[in-house]
Amino acid sequence: MNANNIPPITEDDIANYLVNTPDFFERHAALLAAVQLTSPHGQRAVSLQERQAEMLREKIRSLELKGAEMIRHGNENTTIADKLQRWTRELLLTREARDLPTVATSAIAEQFLVPQVAIKVWDVAPEFTDEPFAQGASEDVKAFASSLMRPYCGANPGLEAAQWLVDPASAASLALIPLRVGIAPQAFGLLVLASSDTQRFASDMGTDFLERIGELTSAALSRLRP
């Protein structure tokens, strides 16, 4: 074969040769000390050993940051769990069923620092029909609540449920949580959380925690039903 037809050696060829010839640097140990690489922290040349040490330090820093983030998330989850436990305890300690909506909303506001919270319940037992929480929900709101398979989070486009709040005009973002018994298709209430912060209840936020709030509230307020 003509030498001119021999394909040139590529970087991949060299890399494959070194990978498949692990004793190469044993036979050429002096080469390791002579190799100079460009430092990622400037244009100065560093030895292969120094470059490896820098890579190791960077990896350690990355692991430390990930570890710190995991600890932070763990602490946040513990804090949330503690608040949820205290809120649930308030519901369990409530003797009078008619007091449950007030306790549920005030405790949410206090424990989770939600600026405005409101609740309406319908199809209640006769002794509760004159209570404020059992009045003011239109058929449209009831149908909307039943249509929600998970909490609605997002901007306040002037929804009727926002009018239940003390200051509807300041509600820039909302979380609307349907209340239902188990997997029943029809909701029997709607819990409204509101904030003046547009990102507090953003449309792309996860709703797992809000769903747990809805399940616990539904279970507690089921005492109001006939």
N, C-alpha and C. Protein backbone atom coordinates (compact mmCIF):
# COMPACT_ATOMS: atom_id res chain seq x y z
N MET A 1 0.85 -1.19 0.00
CA MET A 1 0.00 0.00 0.00
C MET A 1 0.88 1.23 0.00
N ASN A 2 0.51 2.17 -0.82
CA ASN A 2 1.24 3.43 -0.91
C ASN A 2 1.12 4.17 0.42
N ALA A 3 2.26 4.68 0.90
CA ALA A 3 2.27 5.39 2.18
C ALA A 3 1.33 6.59 2.16
N ASN A 4 1.14 7.16 0.97
CA ASN A 4 0.26 8.32 0.87
C ASN A 4 -1.20 7.95 1.10
N ASN A 5 -1.51 6.63 0.97
CA ASN A 5 -2.89 6.19 1.16
C ASN A 5 -3.19 5.77 2.60
N ILE A 6 -2.18 5.80 3.47
CA ILE A 6 -2.40 5.43 4.87
C ILE A 6 -3.14 6.57 5.56
N PRO A 7 -4.29 6.27 6.17
CA PRO A 7 -5.06 7.35 6.83
C PRO A 7 -4.27 7.92 7.99
N PRO A 8 -4.39 9.19 8.22
CA PRO A 8 -3.65 9.82 9.32
C PRO A 8 -4.14 9.30 10.67
N ILE A 9 -3.27 9.33 11.64
CA ILE A 9 -3.63 8.93 12.99
C ILE A 9 -4.48 10.04 13.62
N THR A 10 -5.61 9.66 14.17
CA THR A 10 -6.51 10.63 14.78
C THR A 10 -6.36 10.63 16.30
N GLU A 11 -6.96 11.63 16.95
CA GLU A 11 -6.95 11.68 18.42
C GLU A 11 -7.65 10.47 19.01
N ASP A 12 -8.70 10.00 18.32
CA ASP A 12 -9.40 8.81 18.80
C ASP A 12 -8.49 7.59 18.76
N ASP A 13 -7.65 7.50 17.70
CA ASP A 13 -6.71 6.38 17.60
C ASP A 13 -5.75 6.39 18.79
N ILE A 14 -5.25 7.58 19.12
CA ILE A 14 -4.31 7.70 20.23
C ILE A 14 -5.00 7.34 21.54
N ALA A 15 -6.24 7.88 21.73
CA ALA A 15 -6.98 7.60 22.96
C ALA A 15 -7.25 6.11 23.10
N ASN A 16 -7.66 5.46 22.01
CA ASN A 16 -7.94 4.02 22.06
C ASN A 16 -6.68 3.22 22.36
N TYR A 17 -5.55 3.66 21.82
CA TYR A 17 -4.30 2.96 22.06
C TYR A 17 -3.92 3.04 23.55
N LEU A 18 -4.06 4.25 24.13
CA LEU A 18 -3.70 4.41 25.54
C LEU A 18 -4.64 3.63 26.46
N VAL A 19 -5.94 3.61 26.10
CA VAL A 19 -6.89 2.86 26.91
C VAL A 19 -6.59 1.37 26.87
N ASN A 20 -6.20 0.90 25.70
CA ASN A 20 -5.96 -0.54 25.53
C ASN A 20 -4.51 -0.95 25.83
N THR A 21 -3.69 0.03 26.21
CA THR A 21 -2.29 -0.28 26.55
C THR A 21 -1.99 0.35 27.90
N PRO A 22 -2.54 -0.23 28.98
CA PRO A 22 -2.42 0.38 30.30
C PRO A 22 -0.98 0.47 30.82
N ASP A 23 -0.06 -0.35 30.27
CA ASP A 23 1.32 -0.30 30.77
C ASP A 23 2.18 0.70 30.02
N PHE A 24 1.56 1.49 29.13
CA PHE A 24 2.33 2.45 28.34
C PHE A 24 3.07 3.43 29.24
N PHE A 25 2.32 4.00 30.23
CA PHE A 25 2.94 5.00 31.08
C PHE A 25 3.88 4.39 32.10
N GLU A 26 3.78 3.09 32.31
CA GLU A 26 4.78 2.42 33.15
C GLU A 26 6.12 2.38 32.43
N ARG A 27 6.06 2.16 31.14
CA ARG A 27 7.30 2.11 30.35
C ARG A 27 7.83 3.51 30.06
N HIS A 28 6.94 4.50 30.13
CA HIS A 28 7.34 5.89 29.83
C HIS A 28 6.93 6.79 30.98
N ALA A 29 7.36 6.45 32.18
CA ALA A 29 6.96 7.19 33.38
C ALA A 29 7.37 8.66 33.32
N ALA A 30 8.50 8.93 32.70
CA ALA A 30 8.98 10.32 32.64
C ALA A 30 8.04 11.19 31.82
N LEU A 31 7.28 10.56 30.93
CA LEU A 31 6.37 11.33 30.09
C LEU A 31 5.27 11.99 30.91
N LEU A 32 4.82 11.29 31.96
CA LEU A 32 3.76 11.86 32.79
C LEU A 32 4.18 13.18 33.43
N ALA A 33 5.42 13.23 33.90
CA ALA A 33 5.92 14.44 34.54
C ALA A 33 6.10 15.57 33.53
N ALA A 34 6.31 15.19 32.26
CA ALA A 34 6.57 16.20 31.24
C ALA A 34 5.30 16.76 30.62
N VAL A 35 4.17 16.05 30.80
CA VAL A 35 2.92 16.51 30.19
C VAL A 35 2.46 17.81 30.85
N GLN A 36 2.14 18.80 30.04
CA GLN A 36 1.65 20.09 30.52
C GLN A 36 0.26 20.33 29.94
N LEU A 37 -0.69 20.70 30.81
CA LEU A 37 -2.06 20.98 30.41
C LEU A 37 -2.41 22.42 30.75
N THR A 38 -3.44 22.94 30.08
CA THR A 38 -3.91 24.29 30.37
C THR A 38 -4.84 24.26 31.57
N SER A 39 -4.59 25.10 32.54
CA SER A 39 -5.44 25.16 33.73
C SER A 39 -6.78 25.79 33.37
N PRO A 40 -7.89 25.26 33.91
CA PRO A 40 -9.20 25.87 33.66
C PRO A 40 -9.37 27.21 34.36
N HIS A 41 -8.44 27.54 35.27
CA HIS A 41 -8.51 28.79 36.02
C HIS A 41 -7.52 29.82 35.49
N GLY A 42 -7.29 29.77 34.23
CA GLY A 42 -6.35 30.70 33.61
C GLY A 42 -5.63 30.03 32.45
N GLN A 43 -4.72 30.73 31.82
CA GLN A 43 -4.01 30.19 30.67
C GLN A 43 -2.67 29.57 31.03
N ARG A 44 -2.36 29.50 32.33
CA ARG A 44 -1.08 28.93 32.71
C ARG A 44 -1.07 27.42 32.49
N ALA A 45 0.11 26.87 32.26
CA ALA A 45 0.27 25.43 32.06
C ALA A 45 0.51 24.76 33.41
N VAL A 46 -0.11 23.61 33.60
CA VAL A 46 0.06 22.84 34.83
C VAL A 46 0.40 21.40 34.47
N SER A 47 0.98 20.71 35.43
CA SER A 47 1.32 19.31 35.20
C SER A 47 0.06 18.46 35.20
N LEU A 48 0.18 17.26 34.67
CA LEU A 48 -0.95 16.34 34.65
C LEU A 48 -1.43 16.04 36.07
N GLN A 49 -0.49 15.86 37.00
CA GLN A 49 -0.86 15.58 38.38
C GLN A 49 -1.64 16.74 38.99
N GLU A 50 -1.16 17.97 38.69
CA GLU A 50 -1.85 19.14 39.24
C GLU A 50 -3.24 19.29 38.64
N ARG A 51 -3.33 18.99 37.36
CA ARG A 51 -4.66 19.06 36.70
C ARG A 51 -5.60 18.03 37.30
N GLN A 52 -5.10 16.84 37.57
CA GLN A 52 -5.93 15.81 38.20
C GLN A 52 -6.36 16.24 39.59
N ALA A 53 -5.46 16.88 40.32
CA ALA A 53 -5.80 17.36 41.66
C ALA A 53 -6.89 18.43 41.58
N GLU A 54 -6.80 19.33 40.56
CA GLU A 54 -7.82 20.35 40.39
C GLU A 54 -9.17 19.72 40.08
N MET A 55 -9.17 18.70 39.21
CA MET A 55 -10.41 18.01 38.87
C MET A 55 -11.02 17.34 40.10
N LEU A 56 -10.16 16.76 40.94
CA LEU A 56 -10.64 16.11 42.15
C LEU A 56 -11.24 17.14 43.11
N ARG A 57 -10.56 18.31 43.25
CA ARG A 57 -11.09 19.35 44.12
C ARG A 57 -12.45 19.85 43.63
N GLU A 58 -12.59 20.00 42.30
CA GLU A 58 -13.85 20.45 41.72
C GLU A 58 -14.95 19.43 41.99
N LYS A 59 -14.60 18.14 41.87
CA LYS A 59 -15.58 17.09 42.13
C LYS A 59 -16.01 17.11 43.60
N ILE A 60 -15.04 17.32 44.49
CA ILE A 60 -15.36 17.38 45.92
C ILE A 60 -16.27 18.57 46.21
N ARG A 61 -15.95 19.73 45.60
CA ARG A 61 -16.79 20.92 45.80
C ARG A 61 -18.22 20.65 45.32
N SER A 62 -18.33 19.99 44.16
CA SER A 62 -19.65 19.68 43.61
C SER A 62 -20.43 18.76 44.55
N LEU A 63 -19.75 17.76 45.10
CA LEU A 63 -20.40 16.84 46.04
C LEU A 63 -20.80 17.56 47.32
N GLU A 64 -19.95 18.49 47.77
CA GLU A 64 -20.27 19.25 48.98
C GLU A 64 -21.53 20.11 48.76
N LEU A 65 -21.63 20.73 47.57
CA LEU A 65 -22.80 21.54 47.27
C LEU A 65 -24.06 20.69 47.21
N LYS A 66 -23.94 19.52 46.59
CA LYS A 66 -25.09 18.62 46.52
C LYS A 66 -25.49 18.15 47.91
N GLY A 67 -24.50 17.85 48.75
CA GLY A 67 -24.79 17.44 50.11
C GLY A 67 -25.48 18.53 50.90
N ALA A 68 -24.99 19.77 50.73
CA ALA A 68 -25.61 20.90 51.44
C ALA A 68 -27.04 21.12 50.97
N GLU A 69 -27.27 20.94 49.66
CA GLU A 69 -28.62 21.10 49.12
C GLU A 69 -29.56 20.02 49.67
N MET A 70 -29.07 18.79 49.76
CA MET A 70 -29.88 17.70 50.31
C MET A 70 -30.23 17.97 51.77
N ILE A 71 -29.27 18.49 52.53
CA ILE A 71 -29.54 18.82 53.93
C ILE A 71 -30.58 19.92 54.04
N ARG A 72 -30.44 20.93 53.16
CA ARG A 72 -31.39 22.05 53.18
C ARG A 72 -32.80 21.56 52.87
N HIS A 73 -32.92 20.72 51.82
CA HIS A 73 -34.24 20.18 51.47
C HIS A 73 -34.79 19.33 52.61
N GLY A 74 -33.91 18.57 53.26
CA GLY A 74 -34.35 17.75 54.38
C GLY A 74 -34.87 18.59 55.52
N ASN A 75 -34.16 19.69 55.82
CA ASN A 75 -34.61 20.60 56.89
C ASN A 75 -35.94 21.25 56.53
N GLU A 76 -36.08 21.64 55.25
CA GLU A 76 -37.33 22.26 54.81
C GLU A 76 -38.49 21.28 54.92
N ASN A 77 -38.24 20.02 54.52
CA ASN A 77 -39.30 19.01 54.60
C ASN A 77 -39.70 18.75 56.05
N THR A 78 -38.70 18.75 56.95
CA THR A 78 -39.00 18.55 58.36
C THR A 78 -39.84 19.69 58.91
N THR A 79 -39.50 20.91 58.50
CA THR A 79 -40.26 22.09 58.95
C THR A 79 -41.71 22.02 58.46
N ILE A 80 -41.88 21.65 57.18
CA ILE A 80 -43.22 21.54 56.62
C ILE A 80 -44.02 20.44 57.33
N ALA A 81 -43.36 19.31 57.58
CA ALA A 81 -44.04 18.21 58.27
C ALA A 81 -44.47 18.63 59.67
N ASP A 82 -43.64 19.39 60.36
CA ASP A 82 -43.99 19.87 61.70
C ASP A 82 -45.20 20.80 61.65
N LYS A 83 -45.22 21.70 60.66
CA LYS A 83 -46.35 22.62 60.53
C LYS A 83 -47.63 21.87 60.19
N LEU A 84 -47.50 20.88 59.30
CA LEU A 84 -48.67 20.09 58.93
C LEU A 84 -49.22 19.32 60.14
N GLN A 85 -48.31 18.82 60.98
CA GLN A 85 -48.72 18.09 62.17
C GLN A 85 -49.46 19.02 63.14
N ARG A 86 -48.94 20.24 63.30
CA ARG A 86 -49.59 21.18 64.22
C ARG A 86 -50.96 21.59 63.70
N TRP A 87 -51.06 21.80 62.38
CA TRP A 87 -52.34 22.17 61.78
C TRP A 87 -53.36 21.04 61.94
N THR A 88 -52.94 19.81 61.69
CA THR A 88 -53.82 18.65 61.83
C THR A 88 -54.27 18.50 63.28
N ARG A 89 -53.36 18.76 64.19
CA ARG A 89 -53.70 18.66 65.62
C ARG A 89 -54.80 19.64 65.98
N GLU A 90 -54.75 20.86 65.41
CA GLU A 90 -55.79 21.85 65.67
C GLU A 90 -57.15 21.34 65.22
N LEU A 91 -57.18 20.68 64.07
CA LEU A 91 -58.45 20.14 63.57
C LEU A 91 -58.97 19.04 64.48
N LEU A 92 -58.07 18.16 64.92
CA LEU A 92 -58.48 17.04 65.76
C LEU A 92 -58.99 17.50 67.12
N LEU A 93 -58.47 18.61 67.61
CA LEU A 93 -58.87 19.13 68.92
C LEU A 93 -60.15 19.96 68.88
N THR A 94 -60.66 20.20 67.68
CA THR A 94 -61.87 21.02 67.55
C THR A 94 -63.10 20.17 67.87
N ARG A 95 -63.79 20.52 68.95
CA ARG A 95 -64.94 19.74 69.39
C ARG A 95 -66.18 20.01 68.55
N GLU A 96 -66.49 21.29 68.33
CA GLU A 96 -67.70 21.65 67.60
C GLU A 96 -67.45 21.61 66.09
N ALA A 97 -68.26 20.85 65.39
CA ALA A 97 -68.10 20.71 63.94
C ALA A 97 -68.24 22.06 63.24
N ARG A 98 -69.12 22.93 63.73
CA ARG A 98 -69.35 24.21 63.07
C ARG A 98 -68.12 25.12 63.16
N ASP A 99 -67.20 24.82 64.06
CA ASP A 99 -65.98 25.64 64.18
C ASP A 99 -64.87 25.19 63.23
N LEU A 100 -65.03 24.04 62.61
CA LEU A 100 -63.95 23.47 61.80
C LEU A 100 -63.50 24.36 60.64
N PRO A 101 -64.42 24.95 59.84
CA PRO A 101 -63.95 25.81 58.74
C PRO A 101 -63.09 26.97 59.22
N THR A 102 -63.49 27.59 60.33
CA THR A 102 -62.71 28.71 60.86
C THR A 102 -61.35 28.25 61.36
N VAL A 103 -61.33 27.12 62.07
CA VAL A 103 -60.06 26.59 62.57
C VAL A 103 -59.15 26.20 61.42
N ALA A 104 -59.70 25.54 60.41
CA ALA A 104 -58.89 25.09 59.28
C ALA A 104 -58.24 26.27 58.56
N THR A 105 -59.02 27.31 58.29
CA THR A 105 -58.48 28.45 57.54
C THR A 105 -57.51 29.28 58.37
N SER A 106 -57.85 29.53 59.62
CA SER A 106 -56.96 30.35 60.45
C SER A 106 -55.64 29.63 60.72
N ALA A 107 -55.70 28.31 60.90
CA ALA A 107 -54.48 27.55 61.16
C ALA A 107 -53.60 27.47 59.92
N ILE A 108 -54.20 27.38 58.74
CA ILE A 108 -53.42 27.41 57.49
C ILE A 108 -52.71 28.74 57.37
N ALA A 109 -53.43 29.82 57.61
CA ALA A 109 -52.84 31.15 57.52
C ALA A 109 -51.68 31.30 58.49
N GLU A 110 -51.85 30.77 59.70
CA GLU A 110 -50.82 30.92 60.73
C GLU A 110 -49.63 30.00 60.48
N GLN A 111 -49.87 28.73 60.23
CA GLN A 111 -48.79 27.76 60.12
C GLN A 111 -48.00 27.92 58.82
N PHE A 112 -48.69 28.21 57.71
CA PHE A 112 -48.03 28.24 56.41
C PHE A 112 -47.88 29.65 55.85
N LEU A 113 -48.20 30.65 56.68
CA LEU A 113 -48.01 32.06 56.32
C LEU A 113 -48.69 32.41 54.99
N VAL A 114 -49.93 31.98 54.87
CA VAL A 114 -50.73 32.32 53.70
C VAL A 114 -51.52 33.59 54.04
N PRO A 115 -51.34 34.65 53.27
CA PRO A 115 -51.97 35.93 53.62
C PRO A 115 -53.49 35.89 53.71
N GLN A 116 -54.14 35.18 52.78
CA GLN A 116 -55.60 35.13 52.80
C GLN A 116 -56.07 33.70 52.55
N VAL A 117 -57.03 33.28 53.35
CA VAL A 117 -57.60 31.93 53.22
C VAL A 117 -59.11 32.04 53.38
N ALA A 118 -59.85 31.33 52.53
CA ALA A 118 -61.31 31.31 52.64
C ALA A 118 -61.81 29.91 52.30
N ILE A 119 -63.01 29.62 52.74
CA ILE A 119 -63.57 28.29 52.50
C ILE A 119 -65.09 28.39 52.41
N LYS A 120 -65.65 27.59 51.52
CA LYS A 120 -67.10 27.43 51.43
C LYS A 120 -67.41 25.95 51.35
N VAL A 121 -68.50 25.57 52.02
CA VAL A 121 -68.94 24.17 52.02
C VAL A 121 -70.43 24.15 51.70
N TRP A 122 -70.87 23.21 50.90
CA TRP A 122 -72.27 23.10 50.55
C TRP A 122 -72.77 21.67 50.80
N ASP A 123 -74.08 21.51 50.63
CA ASP A 123 -74.72 20.21 50.91
C ASP A 123 -74.42 19.77 52.35
N VAL A 124 -74.52 20.74 53.27
CA VAL A 124 -74.24 20.44 54.68
C VAL A 124 -75.51 19.96 55.37
N ALA A 125 -75.34 19.46 56.58
CA ALA A 125 -76.48 19.03 57.40
C ALA A 125 -77.34 20.25 57.74
N PRO A 126 -78.65 20.04 57.97
CA PRO A 126 -79.57 21.17 58.21
C PRO A 126 -79.12 22.13 59.31
N GLU A 127 -78.48 21.62 60.34
CA GLU A 127 -78.10 22.51 61.46
C GLU A 127 -76.97 23.48 61.10
N PHE A 128 -76.36 23.28 59.91
CA PHE A 128 -75.26 24.17 59.52
C PHE A 128 -75.59 25.08 58.35
N THR A 129 -76.81 24.99 57.83
CA THR A 129 -77.13 25.73 56.61
C THR A 129 -77.09 27.25 56.79
N ASP A 130 -77.25 27.74 58.00
CA ASP A 130 -77.23 29.19 58.23
C ASP A 130 -75.84 29.72 58.56
N GLU A 131 -74.86 28.85 58.61
CA GLU A 131 -73.50 29.29 58.92
C GLU A 131 -72.90 30.04 57.72
N PRO A 132 -72.07 31.05 57.95
CA PRO A 132 -71.47 31.82 56.84
C PRO A 132 -70.71 30.94 55.84
N PHE A 133 -70.03 29.90 56.33
CA PHE A 133 -69.25 29.06 55.42
C PHE A 133 -70.14 28.23 54.48
N ALA A 134 -71.43 28.11 54.80
CA ALA A 134 -72.34 27.31 53.97
C ALA A 134 -73.14 28.17 53.00
N GLN A 135 -72.84 29.47 52.92
CA GLN A 135 -73.59 30.37 52.07
C GLN A 135 -72.65 31.10 51.11
N GLY A 136 -73.20 31.45 49.94
CA GLY A 136 -72.45 32.29 49.02
C GLY A 136 -71.75 31.57 47.89
N ALA A 137 -71.90 30.24 47.78
CA ALA A 137 -71.28 29.50 46.68
C ALA A 137 -72.33 29.25 45.60
N SER A 138 -72.12 29.82 44.44
CA SER A 138 -73.08 29.66 43.35
C SER A 138 -72.98 28.27 42.73
N GLU A 139 -73.94 27.94 41.88
CA GLU A 139 -73.91 26.66 41.18
C GLU A 139 -72.71 26.57 40.25
N ASP A 140 -72.29 27.71 39.69
CA ASP A 140 -71.10 27.72 38.82
C ASP A 140 -69.86 27.35 39.61
N VAL A 141 -69.72 27.91 40.81
CA VAL A 141 -68.56 27.60 41.64
C VAL A 141 -68.58 26.13 42.03
N LYS A 142 -69.74 25.61 42.38
CA LYS A 142 -69.85 24.20 42.75
C LYS A 142 -69.44 23.29 41.58
N ALA A 143 -69.90 23.65 40.39
CA ALA A 143 -69.54 22.86 39.21
C ALA A 143 -68.05 22.97 38.92
N PHE A 144 -67.50 24.17 39.11
CA PHE A 144 -66.06 24.36 38.88
C PHE A 144 -65.25 23.53 39.87
N ALA A 145 -65.65 23.54 41.13
CA ALA A 145 -64.93 22.76 42.14
C ALA A 145 -64.97 21.27 41.81
N SER A 146 -66.11 20.78 41.36
CA SER A 146 -66.22 19.36 41.01
C SER A 146 -65.39 19.01 39.79
N SER A 147 -65.14 20.00 38.93
CA SER A 147 -64.34 19.74 37.72
C SER A 147 -62.84 19.66 38.00
N LEU A 148 -62.42 20.12 39.18
CA LEU A 148 -61.00 20.11 39.52
C LEU A 148 -60.59 18.73 40.03
N MET A 149 -59.71 18.07 39.29
CA MET A 149 -59.19 16.79 39.74
C MET A 149 -57.98 16.97 40.66
N ARG A 150 -57.37 18.15 40.59
CA ARG A 150 -56.27 18.52 41.48
C ARG A 150 -56.35 20.03 41.69
N PRO A 151 -55.66 20.56 42.68
CA PRO A 151 -55.75 22.00 42.94
C PRO A 151 -55.38 22.86 41.74
N TYR A 152 -56.11 23.96 41.60
CA TYR A 152 -55.77 24.97 40.59
C TYR A 152 -54.78 25.94 41.21
N CYS A 153 -53.70 26.21 40.53
CA CYS A 153 -52.73 27.22 40.97
C CYS A 153 -52.45 28.17 39.81
N GLY A 154 -52.44 29.44 40.09
CA GLY A 154 -52.15 30.40 39.04
C GLY A 154 -52.65 31.78 39.37
N ALA A 155 -52.69 32.61 38.34
CA ALA A 155 -53.12 34.00 38.50
C ALA A 155 -54.61 34.06 38.84
N ASN A 156 -55.02 35.19 39.32
CA ASN A 156 -56.43 35.42 39.66
C ASN A 156 -57.10 36.18 38.52
N PRO A 157 -57.79 35.46 37.65
CA PRO A 157 -58.44 36.13 36.51
C PRO A 157 -59.82 36.67 36.87
N GLY A 158 -60.06 36.90 38.14
CA GLY A 158 -61.36 37.40 38.57
C GLY A 158 -62.35 36.29 38.87
N LEU A 159 -61.83 35.15 39.37
CA LEU A 159 -62.70 34.02 39.69
C LEU A 159 -63.66 34.38 40.82
N GLU A 160 -64.85 33.81 40.74
CA GLU A 160 -65.87 34.11 41.75
C GLU A 160 -65.39 33.73 43.15
N ALA A 161 -64.68 32.61 43.26
CA ALA A 161 -64.22 32.15 44.58
C ALA A 161 -63.29 33.16 45.25
N ALA A 162 -62.60 33.97 44.45
CA ALA A 162 -61.70 34.98 45.02
C ALA A 162 -62.47 36.05 45.79
N GLN A 163 -63.76 36.20 45.47
CA GLN A 163 -64.58 37.19 46.15
C GLN A 163 -64.88 36.80 47.59
N TRP A 164 -64.59 35.56 47.94
CA TRP A 164 -64.80 35.13 49.34
C TRP A 164 -63.72 35.68 50.26
N LEU A 165 -62.62 36.16 49.67
CA LEU A 165 -61.50 36.65 50.45
C LEU A 165 -61.81 38.02 51.05
N VAL A 166 -61.10 38.36 52.09
CA VAL A 166 -61.28 39.66 52.74
C VAL A 166 -60.88 40.79 51.79
N ASP A 167 -59.80 40.58 51.03
CA ASP A 167 -59.31 41.61 50.11
C ASP A 167 -59.03 40.99 48.75
N PRO A 168 -60.06 40.74 47.95
CA PRO A 168 -59.89 40.08 46.66
C PRO A 168 -58.94 40.82 45.72
N ALA A 169 -58.92 42.13 45.78
CA ALA A 169 -58.10 42.91 44.86
C ALA A 169 -56.62 42.64 45.02
N SER A 170 -56.19 42.24 46.21
CA SER A 170 -54.76 42.01 46.45
C SER A 170 -54.35 40.56 46.17
N ALA A 171 -55.28 39.75 45.72
CA ALA A 171 -54.97 38.34 45.45
C ALA A 171 -54.40 38.20 44.05
N ALA A 172 -53.07 38.23 43.95
CA ALA A 172 -52.40 38.14 42.65
C ALA A 172 -52.26 36.69 42.18
N SER A 173 -52.17 35.77 43.12
CA SER A 173 -52.11 34.34 42.77
C SER A 173 -52.99 33.55 43.73
N LEU A 174 -53.53 32.45 43.20
CA LEU A 174 -54.50 31.66 43.96
C LEU A 174 -54.15 30.18 43.92
N ALA A 175 -54.58 29.49 44.96
CA ALA A 175 -54.63 28.03 44.96
C ALA A 175 -56.05 27.66 45.35
N LEU A 176 -56.75 26.96 44.47
CA LEU A 176 -58.13 26.53 44.73
C LEU A 176 -58.13 25.03 44.91
N ILE A 177 -58.50 24.59 46.09
CA ILE A 177 -58.40 23.17 46.45
C ILE A 177 -59.80 22.59 46.63
N PRO A 178 -60.20 21.66 45.78
CA PRO A 178 -61.53 21.07 45.92
C PRO A 178 -61.59 20.15 47.14
N LEU A 179 -62.74 20.13 47.78
CA LEU A 179 -62.96 19.26 48.93
C LEU A 179 -63.96 18.18 48.52
N ARG A 180 -63.59 16.94 48.69
CA ARG A 180 -64.48 15.84 48.34
C ARG A 180 -64.21 14.66 49.25
N VAL A 181 -65.17 13.79 49.36
CA VAL A 181 -65.03 12.60 50.18
C VAL A 181 -64.45 11.47 49.32
N GLY A 182 -63.22 11.05 49.66
CA GLY A 182 -62.59 9.97 48.91
C GLY A 182 -62.44 10.32 47.44
N ILE A 183 -62.93 9.40 46.59
CA ILE A 183 -62.81 9.60 45.13
C ILE A 183 -64.14 10.04 44.53
N ALA A 184 -65.03 10.54 45.38
CA ALA A 184 -66.33 11.00 44.89
C ALA A 184 -66.14 12.07 43.81
N PRO A 185 -66.89 12.00 42.71
CA PRO A 185 -66.71 12.98 41.64
C PRO A 185 -67.18 14.38 42.02
N GLN A 186 -68.18 14.46 42.89
CA GLN A 186 -68.73 15.75 43.26
C GLN A 186 -68.00 16.33 44.47
N ALA A 187 -67.57 17.59 44.34
CA ALA A 187 -66.95 18.27 45.47
C ALA A 187 -68.03 18.80 46.40
N PHE A 188 -67.75 18.89 47.69
CA PHE A 188 -68.71 19.47 48.62
C PHE A 188 -68.18 20.77 49.23
N GLY A 189 -67.04 21.25 48.71
CA GLY A 189 -66.50 22.50 49.20
C GLY A 189 -65.29 22.94 48.41
N LEU A 190 -64.84 24.14 48.69
CA LEU A 190 -63.67 24.68 47.99
C LEU A 190 -62.86 25.53 48.97
N LEU A 191 -61.57 25.24 49.05
CA LEU A 191 -60.64 25.97 49.91
C LEU A 191 -59.82 26.91 49.03
N VAL A 192 -59.76 28.17 49.41
CA VAL A 192 -59.07 29.19 48.60
C VAL A 192 -57.89 29.75 49.39
N LEU A 193 -56.70 29.67 48.79
CA LEU A 193 -55.50 30.29 49.36
C LEU A 193 -55.07 31.40 48.41
N ALA A 194 -54.68 32.52 48.94
CA ALA A 194 -54.34 33.66 48.08
C ALA A 194 -53.14 34.42 48.61
N SER A 195 -52.41 35.02 47.68
CA SER A 195 -51.23 35.82 48.04
C SER A 195 -51.10 36.99 47.07
N SER A 196 -50.49 38.06 47.55
CA SER A 196 -50.20 39.20 46.67
C SER A 196 -48.97 38.93 45.82
N ASP A 197 -48.23 37.88 46.13
CA ASP A 197 -47.05 37.47 45.36
C ASP A 197 -47.50 36.62 44.18
N THR A 198 -47.20 37.06 42.97
CA THR A 198 -47.66 36.34 41.77
C THR A 198 -47.04 34.96 41.65
N GLN A 199 -45.91 34.72 42.31
CA GLN A 199 -45.23 33.43 42.20
C GLN A 199 -45.51 32.50 43.38
N ARG A 200 -46.28 32.97 44.37
CA ARG A 200 -46.55 32.11 45.54
C ARG A 200 -47.30 30.86 45.11
N PHE A 201 -48.30 31.04 44.25
CA PHE A 201 -49.06 29.90 43.72
C PHE A 201 -48.98 29.92 42.19
N ALA A 202 -47.78 29.66 41.69
CA ALA A 202 -47.53 29.70 40.25
C ALA A 202 -48.18 28.50 39.56
N SER A 203 -48.51 28.67 38.29
CA SER A 203 -49.22 27.62 37.55
C SER A 203 -48.37 26.37 37.34
N ASP A 204 -47.04 26.51 37.43
CA ASP A 204 -46.17 25.35 37.20
C ASP A 204 -45.68 24.70 38.49
N MET A 205 -46.23 25.10 39.63
CA MET A 205 -45.77 24.55 40.89
C MET A 205 -46.37 23.15 41.11
N GLY A 206 -45.68 22.36 41.90
CA GLY A 206 -46.21 21.05 42.25
C GLY A 206 -47.39 21.19 43.21
N THR A 207 -48.33 20.27 43.13
CA THR A 207 -49.54 20.38 43.94
C THR A 207 -49.68 19.24 44.95
N ASP A 208 -48.65 18.41 45.11
CA ASP A 208 -48.75 17.27 46.03
C ASP A 208 -49.11 17.72 47.45
N PHE A 209 -48.42 18.73 47.94
CA PHE A 209 -48.68 19.19 49.30
C PHE A 209 -50.08 19.78 49.42
N LEU A 210 -50.51 20.54 48.43
CA LEU A 210 -51.85 21.12 48.45
C LEU A 210 -52.91 20.02 48.42
N GLU A 211 -52.63 18.95 47.69
CA GLU A 211 -53.56 17.83 47.66
C GLU A 211 -53.70 17.19 49.04
N ARG A 212 -52.57 17.08 49.77
CA ARG A 212 -52.65 16.53 51.14
C ARG A 212 -53.48 17.45 52.03
N ILE A 213 -53.31 18.76 51.87
CA ILE A 213 -54.11 19.71 52.63
C ILE A 213 -55.59 19.51 52.32
N GLY A 214 -55.88 19.33 51.03
CA GLY A 214 -57.26 19.12 50.62
C GLY A 214 -57.85 17.84 51.21
N GLU A 215 -57.08 16.78 51.22
CA GLU A 215 -57.56 15.50 51.75
C GLU A 215 -57.86 15.61 53.25
N LEU A 216 -56.94 16.25 53.99
CA LEU A 216 -57.14 16.38 55.43
C LEU A 216 -58.31 17.31 55.75
N THR A 217 -58.41 18.40 55.01
CA THR A 217 -59.53 19.32 55.22
C THR A 217 -60.85 18.64 54.90
N SER A 218 -60.88 17.89 53.81
CA SER A 218 -62.10 17.17 53.43
C SER A 218 -62.51 16.19 54.50
N ALA A 219 -61.54 15.46 55.03
CA ALA A 219 -61.84 14.47 56.08
C ALA A 219 -62.42 15.15 57.32
N ALA A 220 -61.81 16.27 57.71
CA ALA A 220 -62.28 16.98 58.91
C ALA A 220 -63.68 17.56 58.69
N LEU A 221 -63.88 18.20 57.54
CA LEU A 221 -65.16 18.88 57.29
C LEU A 221 -66.27 17.93 56.88
N SER A 222 -65.97 16.68 56.70
CA SER A 222 -67.01 15.70 56.38
C SER A 222 -67.99 15.60 57.56
N ARG A 223 -67.59 16.07 58.73
CA ARG A 223 -68.48 16.09 59.90
C ARG A 223 -69.63 17.06 59.69
N LEU A 224 -69.52 17.96 58.73
CA LEU A 224 -70.59 18.92 58.47
C LEU A 224 -71.66 18.36 57.56
N ARG A 225 -71.40 17.24 56.94
CA ARG A 225 -72.32 16.66 55.99
C ARG A 225 -73.41 15.84 56.70
N PRO A 226 -74.56 15.69 56.03
CA PRO A 226 -75.65 14.92 56.67
C PRO A 226 -75.30 13.45 56.77
